[in-house]
Amino acid sequence: MSSPFLTIVIEQMRMQRYAKRTIESYIYWIKAYINFTHKQPPIQTHDAEVEMFLSYLVNNKNVAPRTQSLALNALVYLYEHVLKSPLTLSLNFNKSHLSPKLPCVLTPDEVSNLLKNISDKYMLPCKLMYGSGLRLMEAVRLRINDIDFDYHAVQVWYGKGGKHRRVTLAKELHDGLKKQIALAKSYYEIDSAKHNYGGVWLPFALTRKFPQASQELGWHYLFPSTRLSIDPESELTRRHHINETVLRKAVKIATKQAGIEKNVTCHTLRHSFATHLLQRGADIRTVQEQLGHTDIRTTQIYTHVIEHGGHGVRSPLSDLL
């Protein structure tokens, strides 16, 4: 990073254990704000400039509510934790009121057709996204230790918001997972034999607490990359997890091949997981826990796409026809 100031912000966020993607997002919006103020030092700007910037995002850029909220969170962090000059709680800016999109949900038949067209190489992570309700990054970041065959569960560490949770694991995936673990073990054995192998990357202070953990099989990624790479932070040779982009492309290709005309993404599998659980009569609190939602209102959006059962509304036209 060329800017000494932004380097300080990055180091501060790392010390506070913010996720890498959160750091990248915050830095993006802090840079955008600085450019908006004609590169004035942020210490010389405050509430008024922040209000103008947030209004500009809506009036000129037509950003979505979540995007504006992310930009606000980045600036709140900047002024409170870095500059030690918190913004007022009553900022006056034009808020984005674009209606949130309803989730795209597949029928069970559509999910089945989609999975039949997924490349075998990426079948297992896609089945985990649908079968366990995992987010894309939660799936690719799984470690071997995270699979609990005895209790048919998957452990998710540092999910969205830094939360941990345990989710259901379909017993039908046990054989496939054991084969995947065997594949990951073969990579591990090859890598461990190399003198320059730095072990797998571990989050936060785990390396200091457990010095040997990075060299242990259980901590290695369940879906390892096919090639070694240099960790830009430590400059050690490591094997990262598969790139999430390949899963996105695989789902897009399978959607086209299956003849599904909906706008399907990896997250659609998670949406379908939640909706199908509710259709089968699962309690909404249970679904909330499986998804890792803090607010149950986030989970309730899935009730809007259900067309039958106790959670839906029967159309009066159905009685006439």
Protein backbone atom coordinates (compact mmCIF):
# COMPACT_ATOMS: atom_id res chain seq x y z
CA MET A 1 0.00 0.00 0.00
CA SER A 2 1.58 3.29 -1.11
CA SER A 3 -0.20 5.53 1.41
CA PRO A 4 1.34 5.51 4.91
CA PHE A 5 -2.01 6.61 6.33
CA LEU A 6 -3.93 3.72 4.78
CA THR A 7 -1.19 1.36 5.92
CA ILE A 8 -1.87 2.49 9.49
CA VAL A 9 -5.59 1.84 9.01
CA ILE A 10 -4.88 -1.65 7.67
CA GLU A 11 -2.58 -2.53 10.56
CA GLN A 12 -5.14 -1.23 13.06
CA MET A 13 -7.86 -3.43 11.56
CA ARG A 14 -5.58 -6.45 11.51
CA MET A 15 -4.81 -5.96 15.18
CA GLN A 16 -8.54 -5.92 15.88
CA ARG A 17 -8.98 -9.16 13.93
CA TYR A 18 -11.08 -7.84 11.07
CA ALA A 19 -11.54 -10.21 8.14
CA LYS A 20 -9.33 -9.65 5.11
CA ARG A 21 -12.30 -8.86 2.84
CA THR A 22 -13.70 -6.40 5.38
CA ILE A 23 -10.35 -4.63 5.46
CA GLU A 24 -10.30 -4.45 1.67
CA SER A 25 -13.86 -3.07 1.56
CA TYR A 26 -13.21 -0.45 4.25
CA ILE A 27 -9.99 0.70 2.57
CA TYR A 28 -11.85 1.02 -0.74
CA TRP A 29 -14.48 3.32 0.76
CA ILE A 30 -11.99 5.32 2.80
CA LYS A 31 -9.99 5.96 -0.37
CA ALA A 32 -13.18 6.91 -2.22
CA TYR A 33 -14.06 9.36 0.55
CA ILE A 34 -10.59 10.95 0.51
CA ASN A 35 -10.79 11.37 -3.26
CA PHE A 36 -14.27 12.87 -2.91
CA THR A 37 -12.90 15.52 -0.53
CA HIS A 38 -10.16 16.37 -3.04
CA LYS A 39 -7.60 14.45 -0.98
CA GLN A 40 -7.95 16.51 2.15
CA PRO A 41 -6.49 14.74 5.21
CA PRO A 42 -9.45 13.04 6.96
CA ILE A 43 -8.48 14.73 10.23
CA GLN A 44 -9.45 18.04 8.58
CA THR A 45 -12.90 16.78 7.57
CA HIS A 46 -15.76 15.43 9.66
CA ASP A 47 -19.56 15.24 9.81
CA ALA A 48 -20.37 17.71 7.01
CA GLU A 49 -18.06 16.06 4.48
CA VAL A 50 -19.22 12.58 5.43
CA GLU A 51 -22.86 13.62 4.97
CA MET A 52 -22.10 15.06 1.53
CA PHE A 53 -20.21 11.92 0.52
CA LEU A 54 -22.99 9.56 1.60
CA SER A 55 -25.60 11.68 -0.18
CA TYR A 56 -23.41 11.77 -3.28
CA LEU A 57 -23.34 7.96 -3.37
CA VAL A 58 -27.14 7.90 -3.56
CA ASN A 59 -27.81 10.99 -5.69
CA ASN A 60 -25.04 10.49 -8.24
CA LYS A 61 -24.06 6.84 -8.04
CA ASN A 62 -27.49 5.37 -7.20
CA VAL A 63 -25.94 2.80 -4.87
CA ALA A 64 -27.95 0.16 -3.00
CA PRO A 65 -28.74 0.55 0.73
CA ARG A 66 -26.17 -2.07 1.70
CA THR A 67 -23.47 -0.32 -0.29
CA GLN A 68 -24.18 3.01 1.35
CA SER A 69 -24.27 1.29 4.75
CA LEU A 70 -20.88 -0.30 4.09
CA ALA A 71 -19.38 3.07 3.16
CA LEU A 72 -20.83 4.57 6.36
CA ASN A 73 -19.42 1.74 8.48
CA ALA A 74 -15.98 2.28 6.96
CA LEU A 75 -16.02 5.98 7.81
CA VAL A 76 -17.41 5.37 11.29
CA TYR A 77 -14.50 3.02 11.91
CA LEU A 78 -12.00 5.52 10.50
CA TYR A 79 -13.09 8.40 12.71
CA GLU A 80 -13.75 6.39 15.87
CA HIS A 81 -10.86 3.91 15.95
CA VAL A 82 -8.13 5.58 13.92
CA LEU A 83 -8.64 9.33 14.25
CA LYS A 84 -10.27 9.11 17.72
CA SER A 85 -12.86 11.68 16.67
CA PRO A 86 -16.20 9.83 16.38
CA LEU A 87 -18.87 11.02 13.99
CA THR A 88 -22.13 12.30 15.41
CA LEU A 89 -24.94 9.80 15.82
CA SER A 90 -27.33 12.11 14.00
CA LEU A 91 -25.75 12.39 10.57
CA ASN A 92 -28.11 14.04 8.08
CA PHE A 93 -27.73 12.54 4.61
CA ASN A 94 -29.92 11.20 1.83
CA LYS A 95 -30.44 7.52 2.59
CA SER A 96 -30.79 4.93 -0.13
CA HIS A 97 -34.29 3.45 -0.17
CA LEU A 98 -33.99 0.99 -3.03
CA SER A 99 -36.15 -2.02 -2.31
CA PRO A 100 -34.13 -5.13 -1.40
CA LYS A 101 -34.37 -7.99 -3.86
CA LEU A 102 -36.23 -11.15 -2.96
CA PRO A 103 -33.94 -14.18 -2.99
CA CYS A 104 -33.75 -16.34 -6.08
CA VAL A 105 -34.87 -19.83 -5.05
CA LEU A 106 -34.80 -23.07 -7.03
CA THR A 107 -37.31 -25.87 -6.76
CA PRO A 108 -35.96 -29.26 -5.57
CA ASP A 109 -36.14 -30.51 -9.17
CA GLU A 110 -34.16 -27.51 -10.39
CA VAL A 111 -31.52 -28.07 -7.71
CA SER A 112 -31.27 -31.71 -8.78
CA ASN A 113 -30.86 -30.75 -12.45
CA LEU A 114 -28.31 -28.08 -11.55
CA LEU A 115 -26.17 -30.49 -9.51
CA LYS A 116 -26.30 -33.08 -12.32
CA ASN A 117 -24.65 -30.52 -14.59
CA ILE A 118 -21.98 -29.36 -12.14
CA SER A 119 -18.47 -30.55 -12.98
CA ASP A 120 -17.40 -33.47 -10.75
CA LYS A 121 -14.44 -31.37 -9.65
CA TYR A 122 -16.74 -28.81 -7.99
CA MET A 123 -19.69 -31.03 -7.10
CA LEU A 124 -18.86 -31.49 -3.41
CA PRO A 125 -18.58 -27.80 -2.39
CA CYS A 126 -21.81 -27.07 -4.29
CA LYS A 127 -23.59 -29.89 -2.48
CA LEU A 128 -22.35 -28.46 0.83
CA MET A 129 -23.70 -25.02 -0.05
CA TYR A 130 -27.13 -26.52 -0.70
CA GLY A 131 -27.08 -29.34 1.85
CA SER A 132 -25.67 -27.29 4.74
CA GLY A 133 -26.64 -23.73 3.80
CA LEU A 134 -23.05 -22.57 3.57
CA ARG A 135 -22.02 -19.29 2.03
CA LEU A 136 -19.56 -19.51 -0.85
CA MET A 137 -16.53 -18.40 1.19
CA GLU A 138 -17.55 -20.59 4.11
CA ALA A 139 -17.45 -23.60 1.80
CA VAL A 140 -14.05 -22.91 0.22
CA ARG A 141 -12.47 -22.03 3.59
CA LEU A 142 -13.43 -25.29 5.28
CA ARG A 143 -10.59 -27.11 7.04
CA ILE A 144 -10.33 -30.88 7.39
CA ASN A 145 -10.98 -30.54 11.14
CA ASP A 146 -14.31 -28.83 10.44
CA ILE A 147 -16.03 -32.02 9.29
CA ASP A 148 -17.67 -33.95 12.14
CA PHE A 149 -18.70 -37.34 10.78
CA ASP A 150 -19.86 -38.66 14.17
CA TYR A 151 -22.50 -35.96 14.69
CA HIS A 152 -23.21 -35.28 10.99
CA ALA A 153 -22.18 -31.65 11.34
CA VAL A 154 -19.97 -29.01 9.76
CA GLN A 155 -18.26 -26.44 11.94
CA VAL A 156 -18.13 -22.94 10.48
CA TRP A 157 -15.51 -20.65 12.01
CA TYR A 158 -15.41 -16.90 11.52
CA GLY A 159 -18.40 -16.73 9.22
CA LYS A 160 -20.07 -13.45 8.34
CA GLY A 161 -19.71 -11.07 11.28
CA GLY A 162 -16.95 -13.25 12.74
CA LYS A 163 -19.51 -15.73 14.12
CA HIS A 164 -19.09 -19.47 14.63
CA ARG A 165 -21.82 -22.08 14.17
CA ARG A 166 -22.47 -25.77 13.60
CA VAL A 167 -24.66 -26.79 10.67
CA THR A 168 -26.16 -30.05 9.49
CA LEU A 169 -24.20 -32.43 7.26
CA ALA A 170 -26.02 -34.83 4.94
CA LYS A 171 -24.81 -38.35 5.62
CA GLU A 172 -24.93 -38.95 1.87
CA LEU A 173 -21.85 -36.72 1.56
CA HIS A 174 -19.70 -38.76 3.96
CA ASP A 175 -18.08 -40.93 1.29
CA GLY A 176 -17.35 -37.97 -0.96
CA LEU A 177 -15.88 -36.01 1.93
CA LYS A 178 -13.62 -38.88 2.93
CA LYS A 179 -12.30 -39.07 -0.64
CA GLN A 180 -11.75 -35.30 -0.60
CA ILE A 181 -9.85 -35.56 2.69
CA ALA A 182 -7.68 -38.27 1.14
CA LEU A 183 -6.94 -35.93 -1.79
CA ALA A 184 -6.09 -33.07 0.58
CA LYS A 185 -3.84 -35.45 2.52
CA SER A 186 -1.93 -36.35 -0.63
CA TYR A 187 -1.21 -32.66 -1.27
CA TYR A 188 -0.22 -32.28 2.38
CA GLU A 189 2.29 -35.13 2.21
CA ILE A 190 3.88 -33.72 -0.95
CA ASP A 191 4.10 -30.21 0.52
CA SER A 192 5.43 -31.33 3.89
CA ALA A 193 8.37 -33.02 2.19
CA LYS A 194 9.53 -29.66 0.78
CA HIS A 195 12.03 -27.72 2.86
CA ASN A 196 10.50 -24.33 2.03
CA TYR A 197 6.88 -25.22 2.83
CA GLY A 198 5.55 -22.71 5.38
CA GLY A 199 2.46 -24.64 6.44
CA VAL A 200 -1.14 -23.58 6.00
CA TRP A 201 -2.30 -20.03 6.82
CA LEU A 202 -3.97 -19.71 10.23
CA PRO A 203 -6.17 -16.81 11.36
CA PHE A 204 -5.19 -14.29 14.01
CA ALA A 205 -3.09 -15.51 16.95
CA LEU A 206 -3.50 -19.26 16.40
CA THR A 207 0.04 -19.52 15.07
CA ARG A 208 1.42 -18.12 18.32
CA LYS A 209 -0.85 -20.24 20.51
CA PHE A 210 -0.29 -23.45 18.55
CA PRO A 211 3.11 -23.16 16.82
CA GLN A 212 2.84 -26.59 15.16
CA ALA A 213 -0.78 -26.26 14.01
CA SER A 214 0.10 -24.86 10.58
CA GLN A 215 2.00 -28.08 9.84
CA GLU A 216 -0.77 -30.43 11.00
CA LEU A 217 -3.07 -32.13 8.49
CA GLY A 218 -6.33 -31.25 10.25
CA TRP A 219 -5.76 -27.52 9.89
CA HIS A 220 -5.22 -27.71 6.14
CA TYR A 221 -7.95 -26.72 3.71
CA LEU A 222 -10.50 -29.33 2.70
CA PHE A 223 -10.52 -27.96 -0.86
CA PRO A 224 -6.87 -27.09 -1.52
CA SER A 225 -5.59 -25.23 -4.53
CA THR A 226 -3.78 -27.27 -7.15
CA ARG A 227 -0.69 -25.08 -6.85
CA LEU A 228 1.47 -23.53 -4.18
CA SER A 229 1.72 -19.76 -3.82
CA ILE A 230 3.57 -17.12 -1.83
CA ASP A 231 1.68 -15.62 1.10
CA PRO A 232 1.98 -11.82 0.49
CA GLU A 233 1.93 -11.07 4.22
CA SER A 234 4.42 -13.60 5.53
CA GLU A 235 6.18 -14.34 2.19
CA LEU A 236 5.99 -18.05 3.07
CA THR A 237 5.21 -20.78 0.54
CA ARG A 238 1.72 -22.10 1.25
CA ARG A 239 -1.16 -23.97 -0.39
CA HIS A 240 -4.31 -21.87 -0.25
CA HIS A 241 -7.90 -23.04 -0.79
CA ILE A 242 -9.48 -23.17 -4.24
CA ASN A 243 -10.44 -19.84 -5.74
CA GLU A 244 -14.10 -19.05 -5.22
CA THR A 245 -14.32 -17.72 -8.79
CA VAL A 246 -14.11 -21.25 -10.21
CA LEU A 247 -17.22 -22.24 -8.24
CA ARG A 248 -19.10 -19.20 -9.47
CA LYS A 249 -18.23 -20.08 -13.07
CA ALA A 250 -19.14 -23.74 -12.56
CA VAL A 251 -22.59 -22.79 -11.25
CA LYS A 252 -23.19 -20.41 -14.15
CA ILE A 253 -22.21 -23.05 -16.71
CA ALA A 254 -24.36 -25.70 -15.02
CA THR A 255 -27.33 -23.31 -14.90
CA LYS A 256 -27.14 -22.80 -18.65
CA GLN A 257 -26.70 -26.50 -19.36
CA ALA A 258 -29.65 -27.38 -17.11
CA GLY A 259 -31.86 -24.93 -19.00
CA ILE A 260 -32.68 -22.95 -15.85
CA GLU A 261 -33.65 -19.39 -16.76
CA LYS A 262 -33.43 -17.95 -13.26
CA ASN A 263 -30.51 -15.74 -12.19
CA VAL A 264 -28.69 -18.50 -10.31
CA THR A 265 -25.55 -17.86 -8.24
CA CYS A 266 -23.75 -19.84 -5.55
CA HIS A 267 -25.83 -17.99 -2.96
CA THR A 268 -28.98 -19.32 -4.63
CA LEU A 269 -28.08 -22.75 -3.22
CA ARG A 270 -28.08 -21.28 0.29
CA HIS A 271 -31.40 -19.53 -0.39
CA SER A 272 -32.86 -22.81 -1.62
CA PHE A 273 -31.57 -24.65 1.46
CA ALA A 274 -33.43 -22.27 3.77
CA THR A 275 -36.64 -22.23 1.74
CA HIS A 276 -36.80 -26.01 1.38
CA LEU A 277 -36.25 -26.47 5.12
CA LEU A 278 -39.21 -24.19 5.83
CA GLN A 279 -41.33 -25.99 3.26
CA ARG A 280 -40.60 -29.26 5.05
CA GLY A 281 -41.93 -27.76 8.28
CA ALA A 282 -38.67 -26.74 9.98
CA ASP A 283 -39.01 -24.15 12.73
CA ILE A 284 -37.87 -20.71 11.59
CA ARG A 285 -35.60 -20.42 14.65
CA THR A 286 -33.84 -23.60 13.59
CA VAL A 287 -33.34 -22.23 10.09
CA GLN A 288 -32.04 -18.97 11.59
CA GLU A 289 -29.41 -20.89 13.57
CA GLN A 290 -28.40 -22.97 10.56
CA LEU A 291 -27.91 -19.84 8.45
CA GLY A 292 -26.16 -17.90 11.22
CA HIS A 293 -28.51 -14.92 11.04
CA THR A 294 -28.39 -12.51 13.99
CA ASP A 295 -31.85 -11.07 13.30
CA ILE A 296 -34.74 -13.43 12.59
CA ARG A 297 -36.22 -10.82 10.25
CA THR A 298 -33.42 -11.70 7.84
CA THR A 299 -34.57 -15.31 7.89
CA GLN A 300 -38.24 -14.40 7.47
CA ILE A 301 -37.65 -13.21 3.91
CA TYR A 302 -37.66 -16.87 2.87
CA THR A 303 -41.27 -17.20 3.93
CA HIS A 304 -42.18 -14.76 1.14
CA VAL A 305 -41.23 -17.22 -1.59
CA ILE A 306 -43.13 -20.18 -0.20
CA GLU A 307 -46.33 -20.82 -2.15
CA HIS A 308 -47.89 -23.53 -0.02
CA GLY A 309 -47.97 -24.87 3.52
CA GLY A 310 -48.52 -23.12 6.83
CA HIS A 311 -46.04 -20.34 6.01
CA GLY A 312 -47.66 -19.24 2.74
CA VAL A 313 -50.81 -17.51 1.58
CA ARG A 314 -53.27 -19.31 -0.68
CA SER A 315 -54.51 -17.24 -3.59
CA PRO A 316 -58.31 -16.78 -3.71
CA LEU A 317 -58.09 -17.48 -7.46
CA SER A 318 -57.13 -21.06 -6.60
CA ASP A 319 -60.57 -21.55 -5.00
CA LEU A 320 -62.30 -20.37 -8.17
CA LEU A 321 -60.23 -22.54 -10.52
